[in-house]
């Protein structure tokens, strides 16, 4: 599979952060998290999806294991908001520069407050989108958190 340099990879390169890229075939249309984990040969607990939510005009990024569901109450608490809701998919590219299935926590248009599920803290590496459908990148959770100024917290149901 062909690997294309993405914004996310360029940002990690600029910060001299080590990462490994995994390309997968997305021609079958199966781009949901658990399918991607299977395609790159990784356990679902080590592959994370990037979700964007908002409270009014404030946007927040949540990085959780692909097989899990974001707990909006925990997400709101982490963000210091009373209530939070998912950003409509139609608005994702406008605010982040990414499309559904290729949204990376690294390299968004702006650095939004970012939260990573605490389950990632104990991992050596975690896979996240490399910023393009068909590409994932493996990076150390602590380093990812440093790069995007993220906090680790409980986010899943």
N, C-alpha and C. Protein backbone atom coordinates (compact mmCIF):
# COMPACT_ATOMS: atom_id res chain seq x y z
N UNK A 1 0.83 -1.19 0.00
CA UNK A 1 0.00 0.00 0.00
C UNK A 1 0.88 1.25 0.00
N UNK A 2 0.44 2.23 -0.73
CA UNK A 2 1.16 3.50 -0.86
C UNK A 2 0.91 4.37 0.39
N UNK A 3 1.99 4.90 0.97
CA UNK A 3 1.86 5.80 2.11
C UNK A 3 2.13 7.22 1.61
N UNK A 4 1.20 8.12 1.92
CA UNK A 4 1.33 9.52 1.54
C UNK A 4 1.61 10.33 2.80
N UNK A 5 2.57 11.23 2.76
CA UNK A 5 2.85 12.10 3.91
C UNK A 5 1.63 12.98 4.16
N UNK A 6 1.21 13.02 5.39
CA UNK A 6 0.06 13.84 5.77
C UNK A 6 0.53 14.98 6.67
N UNK A 7 -0.36 15.92 6.91
CA UNK A 7 -0.08 17.01 7.85
C UNK A 7 0.33 16.48 9.21
N UNK A 8 -0.40 15.47 9.67
CA UNK A 8 -0.12 14.89 10.99
C UNK A 8 1.32 14.35 11.03
N UNK A 9 1.73 13.64 9.99
CA UNK A 9 3.09 13.09 9.95
C UNK A 9 4.13 14.21 9.87
N UNK A 10 3.84 15.25 9.07
CA UNK A 10 4.78 16.37 8.95
C UNK A 10 4.96 17.06 10.30
N UNK A 11 3.87 17.18 11.07
CA UNK A 11 3.97 17.81 12.39
C UNK A 11 4.84 16.97 13.33
N UNK A 12 4.64 15.66 13.30
CA UNK A 12 5.46 14.78 14.15
C UNK A 12 6.92 14.82 13.70
N UNK A 13 7.14 14.84 12.38
CA UNK A 13 8.51 14.94 11.86
C UNK A 13 9.18 16.22 12.35
N UNK A 14 8.45 17.34 12.30
CA UNK A 14 8.99 18.64 12.71
C UNK A 14 9.39 18.63 14.18
N UNK A 15 8.66 17.85 14.98
CA UNK A 15 8.96 17.77 16.42
C UNK A 15 9.92 16.61 16.72
N UNK A 16 10.41 15.95 15.66
CA UNK A 16 11.33 14.82 15.77
C UNK A 16 10.76 13.68 16.63
N UNK A 17 9.46 13.42 16.41
CA UNK A 17 8.75 12.37 17.14
C UNK A 17 8.76 11.10 16.29
N UNK A 18 9.12 9.99 16.90
CA UNK A 18 9.10 8.71 16.20
C UNK A 18 7.69 8.15 16.11
N UNK A 19 7.37 7.58 14.97
CA UNK A 19 6.07 6.95 14.76
C UNK A 19 6.22 5.93 13.65
N UNK A 20 5.26 5.01 13.59
CA UNK A 20 5.24 4.00 12.53
C UNK A 20 3.91 4.11 11.80
N UNK A 21 3.95 4.07 10.47
CA UNK A 21 2.74 4.21 9.68
C UNK A 21 2.26 2.84 9.20
N UNK A 22 0.95 2.64 9.26
CA UNK A 22 0.31 1.43 8.76
C UNK A 22 -0.70 1.85 7.71
N UNK A 23 -0.52 1.35 6.49
CA UNK A 23 -1.48 1.63 5.43
C UNK A 23 -2.43 0.43 5.34
N UNK A 24 -3.68 0.70 5.03
CA UNK A 24 -4.65 -0.39 4.88
C UNK A 24 -5.55 -0.09 3.69
N UNK A 25 -6.14 -1.14 3.17
CA UNK A 25 -7.02 -1.02 2.02
C UNK A 25 -8.40 -0.57 2.49
N UNK A 26 -8.89 0.51 1.90
CA UNK A 26 -10.20 1.01 2.30
C UNK A 26 -11.20 0.95 1.13
N UNK A 27 -10.83 0.23 0.09
CA UNK A 27 -11.70 0.10 -1.09
C UNK A 27 -13.03 -0.57 -0.75
N UNK A 28 -13.04 -1.43 0.28
CA UNK A 28 -14.26 -2.14 0.66
C UNK A 28 -15.24 -1.24 1.44
N UNK A 29 -14.80 -0.01 1.75
CA UNK A 29 -15.66 0.93 2.46
C UNK A 29 -15.70 0.70 3.97
N UNK A 30 -15.00 -0.33 4.44
CA UNK A 30 -14.98 -0.61 5.87
C UNK A 30 -13.89 0.22 6.53
N UNK A 31 -14.30 1.39 7.03
CA UNK A 31 -13.33 2.29 7.65
C UNK A 31 -13.64 2.54 9.13
N UNK A 32 -14.62 1.79 9.66
CA UNK A 32 -14.91 1.96 11.09
C UNK A 32 -13.76 1.37 11.90
N UNK A 33 -13.62 1.86 13.11
CA UNK A 33 -12.47 1.55 13.95
C UNK A 33 -12.08 0.10 14.11
N UNK A 34 -13.05 -0.78 14.40
CA UNK A 34 -12.69 -2.17 14.64
C UNK A 34 -12.22 -2.84 13.35
N UNK A 35 -12.79 -2.45 12.21
CA UNK A 35 -12.34 -2.99 10.92
C UNK A 35 -10.91 -2.54 10.64
N UNK A 36 -10.62 -1.29 10.96
CA UNK A 36 -9.27 -0.75 10.75
C UNK A 36 -8.27 -1.50 11.65
N UNK A 37 -8.64 -1.71 12.90
CA UNK A 37 -7.75 -2.44 13.82
C UNK A 37 -7.42 -3.80 13.26
N UNK A 38 -8.43 -4.49 12.75
CA UNK A 38 -8.24 -5.81 12.16
C UNK A 38 -7.32 -5.72 10.93
N UNK A 39 -7.55 -4.73 10.09
CA UNK A 39 -6.77 -4.57 8.85
C UNK A 39 -5.29 -4.30 9.12
N UNK A 40 -4.99 -3.57 10.21
CA UNK A 40 -3.59 -3.28 10.50
C UNK A 40 -2.99 -4.28 11.49
N UNK A 41 -3.79 -5.28 11.87
CA UNK A 41 -3.29 -6.35 12.74
C UNK A 41 -3.01 -5.93 14.17
N UNK A 42 -3.83 -5.02 14.68
CA UNK A 42 -3.65 -4.54 16.05
C UNK A 42 -4.88 -4.85 16.89
N UNK A 43 -4.67 -5.02 18.19
CA UNK A 43 -5.79 -5.24 19.11
C UNK A 43 -6.61 -3.95 19.17
N UNK A 44 -7.93 -4.08 19.20
CA UNK A 44 -8.82 -2.92 19.22
C UNK A 44 -8.54 -1.97 20.40
N UNK A 45 -8.03 -2.51 21.50
CA UNK A 45 -7.73 -1.67 22.68
C UNK A 45 -6.56 -0.73 22.42
N UNK A 46 -5.77 -1.00 21.38
CA UNK A 46 -4.59 -0.17 21.11
C UNK A 46 -4.80 0.77 19.92
N UNK A 47 -5.99 0.70 19.30
CA UNK A 47 -6.31 1.57 18.17
C UNK A 47 -7.38 2.55 18.64
N UNK A 48 -7.13 3.84 18.40
CA UNK A 48 -7.99 4.89 18.94
C UNK A 48 -8.61 5.72 17.83
N UNK A 49 -9.84 6.16 18.09
CA UNK A 49 -10.52 7.06 17.15
C UNK A 49 -10.52 8.46 17.72
N UNK A 50 -10.59 9.42 16.83
CA UNK A 50 -10.58 10.83 17.21
C UNK A 50 -11.98 11.39 16.98
N UNK A 51 -12.59 11.86 18.05
CA UNK A 51 -13.94 12.42 17.98
C UNK A 51 -13.90 13.90 18.33
N UNK A 52 -14.72 14.68 17.65
CA UNK A 52 -14.76 16.11 17.93
C UNK A 52 -16.17 16.44 18.42
N UNK A 53 -16.21 17.16 19.55
CA UNK A 53 -17.49 17.55 20.15
C UNK A 53 -17.44 19.05 20.42
N UNK A 54 -18.61 19.59 20.75
CA UNK A 54 -18.65 21.03 21.03
C UNK A 54 -19.65 21.35 22.11
N UNK A 55 -19.41 22.50 22.72
CA UNK A 55 -20.35 23.10 23.64
C UNK A 55 -20.44 24.54 23.16
N UNK A 56 -21.53 24.87 22.48
CA UNK A 56 -21.64 26.18 21.84
C UNK A 56 -20.55 26.32 20.79
N UNK A 57 -19.74 27.37 20.89
CA UNK A 57 -18.68 27.61 19.91
C UNK A 57 -17.36 26.95 20.31
N UNK A 58 -17.31 26.33 21.49
CA UNK A 58 -16.07 25.70 21.95
C UNK A 58 -15.97 24.26 21.45
N UNK A 59 -14.87 23.97 20.76
CA UNK A 59 -14.64 22.61 20.25
C UNK A 59 -13.64 21.87 21.13
N UNK A 60 -13.85 20.54 21.22
CA UNK A 60 -13.00 19.67 22.02
C UNK A 60 -12.73 18.39 21.25
N UNK A 61 -11.53 17.84 21.46
CA UNK A 61 -11.13 16.61 20.79
C UNK A 61 -11.00 15.49 21.83
N UNK A 62 -11.60 14.34 21.51
CA UNK A 62 -11.56 13.19 22.41
C UNK A 62 -11.01 11.99 21.65
N UNK A 63 -10.02 11.33 22.24
CA UNK A 63 -9.35 10.20 21.61
C UNK A 63 -9.65 8.97 22.47
N UNK A 64 -10.43 8.04 21.89
CA UNK A 64 -10.88 6.87 22.67
C UNK A 64 -10.66 5.59 21.88
N UNK A 65 -10.62 4.44 22.58
CA UNK A 65 -10.47 3.16 21.86
C UNK A 65 -11.60 2.96 20.85
N UNK A 66 -11.26 2.38 19.69
CA UNK A 66 -12.21 2.27 18.58
C UNK A 66 -13.47 1.46 18.90
N UNK A 67 -13.38 0.51 19.80
CA UNK A 67 -14.55 -0.33 20.09
C UNK A 67 -15.44 0.28 21.18
N UNK A 68 -15.03 1.42 21.70
CA UNK A 68 -15.76 2.03 22.81
C UNK A 68 -16.62 3.21 22.36
N UNK A 69 -17.46 3.68 23.28
CA UNK A 69 -18.34 4.80 23.01
C UNK A 69 -18.00 5.94 23.96
N UNK A 70 -17.97 7.15 23.43
CA UNK A 70 -17.67 8.33 24.26
C UNK A 70 -18.83 8.58 25.22
N UNK A 71 -18.51 8.73 26.49
CA UNK A 71 -19.49 9.09 27.51
C UNK A 71 -19.55 10.63 27.53
N UNK A 72 -20.64 11.19 27.01
CA UNK A 72 -20.74 12.65 26.89
C UNK A 72 -20.71 13.37 28.23
N UNK A 73 -21.19 12.71 29.29
CA UNK A 73 -21.14 13.33 30.62
C UNK A 73 -19.68 13.43 31.10
N UNK A 74 -18.92 12.34 30.91
CA UNK A 74 -17.50 12.36 31.30
C UNK A 74 -16.73 13.35 30.43
N UNK A 75 -17.09 13.42 29.14
CA UNK A 75 -16.42 14.34 28.22
C UNK A 75 -16.68 15.79 28.65
N UNK A 76 -17.93 16.10 28.99
CA UNK A 76 -18.28 17.45 29.43
C UNK A 76 -17.53 17.81 30.71
N UNK A 77 -17.47 16.87 31.63
CA UNK A 77 -16.75 17.11 32.89
C UNK A 77 -15.28 17.39 32.61
N UNK A 78 -14.66 16.58 31.74
CA UNK A 78 -13.24 16.75 31.41
C UNK A 78 -13.01 18.14 30.79
N UNK A 79 -13.96 18.58 29.97
CA UNK A 79 -13.82 19.86 29.27
C UNK A 79 -14.26 21.05 30.13
N UNK A 80 -14.82 20.76 31.30
CA UNK A 80 -15.28 21.84 32.16
C UNK A 80 -16.56 22.50 31.65
N UNK A 81 -17.38 21.72 30.96
CA UNK A 81 -18.64 22.22 30.40
C UNK A 81 -19.81 21.52 31.08
N UNK A 82 -20.98 22.17 31.07
CA UNK A 82 -22.19 21.54 31.61
C UNK A 82 -22.69 20.43 30.70
N UNK A 83 -22.65 20.73 29.39
CA UNK A 83 -23.17 19.79 28.40
C UNK A 83 -22.30 19.86 27.16
N UNK A 84 -22.16 18.73 26.50
CA UNK A 84 -21.34 18.67 25.29
C UNK A 84 -22.05 17.78 24.29
N UNK A 85 -21.91 18.06 23.01
CA UNK A 85 -22.51 17.18 22.00
C UNK A 85 -21.54 17.01 20.84
N UNK A 86 -21.75 15.94 20.10
CA UNK A 86 -20.86 15.63 18.98
C UNK A 86 -20.99 16.71 17.90
N UNK A 87 -19.87 17.06 17.30
CA UNK A 87 -19.89 18.00 16.17
C UNK A 87 -20.51 17.28 14.98
N UNK A 88 -21.46 17.90 14.29
CA UNK A 88 -22.04 17.23 13.12
C UNK A 88 -20.94 16.91 12.09
N UNK A 89 -21.03 15.73 11.47
CA UNK A 89 -20.02 15.29 10.50
C UNK A 89 -19.84 16.33 9.39
N UNK A 90 -20.92 16.98 8.99
CA UNK A 90 -20.84 17.98 7.91
C UNK A 90 -19.94 19.17 8.29
N UNK A 91 -19.72 19.41 9.58
CA UNK A 91 -18.89 20.52 10.05
C UNK A 91 -17.45 20.12 10.35
N UNK A 92 -17.17 18.82 10.32
CA UNK A 92 -15.86 18.32 10.72
C UNK A 92 -14.72 18.92 9.89
N UNK A 93 -14.84 18.88 8.57
CA UNK A 93 -13.74 19.37 7.73
C UNK A 93 -13.54 20.88 7.89
N UNK A 94 -14.64 21.60 8.00
CA UNK A 94 -14.56 23.06 8.15
C UNK A 94 -13.72 23.45 9.36
N UNK A 95 -13.90 22.75 10.48
CA UNK A 95 -13.23 23.11 11.72
C UNK A 95 -11.89 22.42 11.94
N UNK A 96 -11.74 21.21 11.41
CA UNK A 96 -10.50 20.45 11.70
C UNK A 96 -9.59 20.31 10.49
N UNK A 97 -10.15 20.37 9.29
CA UNK A 97 -9.37 20.11 8.09
C UNK A 97 -9.39 18.64 7.71
N UNK A 98 -10.04 17.83 8.53
CA UNK A 98 -10.10 16.39 8.30
C UNK A 98 -11.53 15.94 7.98
N UNK A 99 -11.63 14.75 7.35
CA UNK A 99 -12.93 14.17 7.06
C UNK A 99 -13.16 12.96 7.96
N UNK A 100 -14.41 12.54 8.08
CA UNK A 100 -14.75 11.37 8.88
C UNK A 100 -13.97 10.17 8.37
N UNK A 101 -13.34 9.44 9.29
CA UNK A 101 -12.55 8.27 8.93
C UNK A 101 -11.08 8.60 8.73
N UNK A 102 -10.76 9.89 8.67
CA UNK A 102 -9.38 10.31 8.51
C UNK A 102 -9.02 11.45 9.44
N UNK A 103 -9.71 11.52 10.56
CA UNK A 103 -9.51 12.62 11.52
C UNK A 103 -8.43 12.22 12.52
N UNK A 104 -7.35 12.96 12.52
CA UNK A 104 -6.22 12.70 13.43
C UNK A 104 -6.23 13.75 14.54
N UNK A 105 -5.78 13.36 15.75
CA UNK A 105 -5.66 14.37 16.80
C UNK A 105 -4.50 15.34 16.53
N UNK A 106 -3.62 14.96 15.60
CA UNK A 106 -2.45 15.78 15.26
C UNK A 106 -2.71 16.51 13.95
N UNK A 107 -2.41 17.80 13.92
CA UNK A 107 -2.45 18.54 12.66
C UNK A 107 -3.79 19.14 12.28
N UNK A 108 -4.68 19.33 13.24
CA UNK A 108 -5.94 20.00 12.93
C UNK A 108 -5.66 21.47 12.63
N UNK A 109 -6.65 22.15 12.07
CA UNK A 109 -6.50 23.57 11.72
C UNK A 109 -6.10 24.40 12.93
N UNK A 110 -6.64 24.05 14.09
CA UNK A 110 -6.31 24.71 15.35
C UNK A 110 -6.01 23.63 16.38
N UNK A 111 -5.31 24.02 17.43
CA UNK A 111 -5.06 23.08 18.52
C UNK A 111 -6.19 23.25 19.53
N UNK A 112 -7.16 22.34 19.45
CA UNK A 112 -8.31 22.38 20.36
C UNK A 112 -7.96 21.64 21.64
N UNK A 113 -8.64 21.95 22.75
CA UNK A 113 -8.41 21.19 23.97
C UNK A 113 -8.65 19.70 23.68
N UNK A 114 -7.67 18.89 24.03
CA UNK A 114 -7.70 17.48 23.65
C UNK A 114 -7.60 16.60 24.89
N UNK A 115 -8.37 15.51 24.87
CA UNK A 115 -8.41 14.57 25.98
C UNK A 115 -8.26 13.16 25.43
N UNK A 116 -7.39 12.38 26.05
CA UNK A 116 -7.14 11.00 25.64
C UNK A 116 -7.66 10.09 26.75
N UNK A 117 -8.39 9.04 26.37
CA UNK A 117 -8.90 8.12 27.38
C UNK A 117 -7.75 7.54 28.19
N UNK A 118 -7.95 7.47 29.50
CA UNK A 118 -6.90 7.00 30.41
C UNK A 118 -6.43 5.58 30.11
N UNK A 119 -7.21 4.80 29.36
CA UNK A 119 -6.77 3.44 29.02
C UNK A 119 -5.50 3.45 28.17
N UNK A 120 -5.19 4.58 27.53
CA UNK A 120 -3.99 4.67 26.69
C UNK A 120 -2.71 4.83 27.51
N UNK A 121 -2.84 5.33 28.72
CA UNK A 121 -1.67 5.62 29.55
C UNK A 121 -0.76 4.42 29.77
N UNK A 122 -1.33 3.23 29.88
CA UNK A 122 -0.53 2.05 30.15
C UNK A 122 0.05 1.38 28.90
N UNK A 123 -0.23 1.93 27.73
CA UNK A 123 0.24 1.32 26.48
C UNK A 123 1.62 1.84 26.09
N UNK A 124 2.39 0.99 25.41
CA UNK A 124 3.68 1.44 24.86
C UNK A 124 3.44 2.33 23.65
N UNK A 125 2.50 1.88 22.78
CA UNK A 125 2.13 2.68 21.61
C UNK A 125 0.62 2.58 21.41
N UNK A 126 0.10 3.57 20.74
CA UNK A 126 -1.32 3.57 20.38
C UNK A 126 -1.41 4.00 18.92
N UNK A 127 -2.37 3.43 18.21
CA UNK A 127 -2.56 3.80 16.81
C UNK A 127 -3.68 4.83 16.72
N UNK A 128 -3.43 5.89 15.94
CA UNK A 128 -4.44 6.90 15.66
C UNK A 128 -4.40 7.17 14.16
N UNK A 129 -5.41 7.81 13.65
CA UNK A 129 -5.42 8.15 12.24
C UNK A 129 -4.23 9.03 11.91
N UNK A 130 -3.64 8.77 10.76
CA UNK A 130 -2.51 9.59 10.30
C UNK A 130 -3.02 10.80 9.52
N UNK A 131 -4.34 11.00 9.49
CA UNK A 131 -4.91 12.17 8.84
C UNK A 131 -5.45 11.90 7.45
N UNK A 132 -5.57 10.63 7.13
CA UNK A 132 -6.07 10.24 5.81
C UNK A 132 -6.70 8.85 5.93
N UNK A 133 -7.84 8.65 5.30
CA UNK A 133 -8.44 7.32 5.30
C UNK A 133 -7.46 6.38 4.62
N UNK A 134 -7.18 5.25 5.27
CA UNK A 134 -6.24 4.27 4.72
C UNK A 134 -4.87 4.32 5.38
N UNK A 135 -4.68 5.24 6.33
CA UNK A 135 -3.40 5.34 7.02
C UNK A 135 -3.59 5.58 8.52
N UNK A 136 -2.88 4.77 9.29
CA UNK A 136 -2.86 4.92 10.74
C UNK A 136 -1.40 5.10 11.15
N UNK A 137 -1.18 5.72 12.30
CA UNK A 137 0.19 5.83 12.80
C UNK A 137 0.23 5.42 14.26
N UNK A 138 1.28 4.71 14.59
CA UNK A 138 1.54 4.23 15.93
C UNK A 138 2.48 5.22 16.61
N UNK A 139 2.10 5.69 17.78
CA UNK A 139 2.92 6.66 18.50
C UNK A 139 2.77 6.39 19.99
N UNK A 140 3.78 6.77 20.77
CA UNK A 140 3.72 6.58 22.22
C UNK A 140 2.67 7.55 22.79
N UNK A 141 1.76 7.06 23.64
CA UNK A 141 0.69 7.90 24.19
C UNK A 141 1.20 9.17 24.87
N UNK A 142 2.26 9.05 25.67
CA UNK A 142 2.78 10.22 26.39
C UNK A 142 3.28 11.28 25.42
N UNK A 143 3.90 10.83 24.33
CA UNK A 143 4.43 11.76 23.34
C UNK A 143 3.27 12.41 22.57
N UNK A 144 2.27 11.62 22.21
CA UNK A 144 1.09 12.17 21.54
C UNK A 144 0.47 13.25 22.42
N UNK A 145 0.33 12.95 23.70
CA UNK A 145 -0.26 13.91 24.65
C UNK A 145 0.56 15.19 24.70
N UNK A 146 1.88 15.07 24.68
CA UNK A 146 2.75 16.26 24.68
C UNK A 146 2.52 17.10 23.42
N UNK A 147 2.50 16.43 22.27
CA UNK A 147 2.38 17.12 20.99
C UNK A 147 1.07 17.91 20.89
N UNK A 148 -0.04 17.32 21.33
CA UNK A 148 -1.35 17.99 21.21
C UNK A 148 -1.83 18.61 22.53
N UNK A 149 -0.93 18.65 23.53
CA UNK A 149 -1.25 19.23 24.85
C UNK A 149 -2.49 18.58 25.45
N UNK A 150 -2.56 17.25 25.37
CA UNK A 150 -3.73 16.52 25.86
C UNK A 150 -3.61 16.13 27.32
N UNK A 151 -4.78 15.89 27.91
CA UNK A 151 -4.87 15.36 29.26
C UNK A 151 -5.43 13.95 29.17
N UNK A 152 -4.94 13.06 30.02
CA UNK A 152 -5.51 11.72 30.11
C UNK A 152 -6.62 11.75 31.14
N UNK A 153 -7.77 11.16 30.77
CA UNK A 153 -8.91 11.14 31.69
C UNK A 153 -9.87 10.03 31.25
N UNK A 154 -10.79 9.65 32.15
CA UNK A 154 -11.78 8.62 31.79
C UNK A 154 -12.83 9.23 30.88
N UNK A 155 -13.02 8.61 29.70
CA UNK A 155 -13.94 9.17 28.72
C UNK A 155 -14.98 8.20 28.21
N UNK A 156 -14.80 6.90 28.48
CA UNK A 156 -15.70 5.93 27.85
C UNK A 156 -16.76 5.41 28.80
N UNK A 157 -17.85 4.90 28.18
CA UNK A 157 -18.99 4.37 28.94
C UNK A 157 -18.61 3.07 29.63
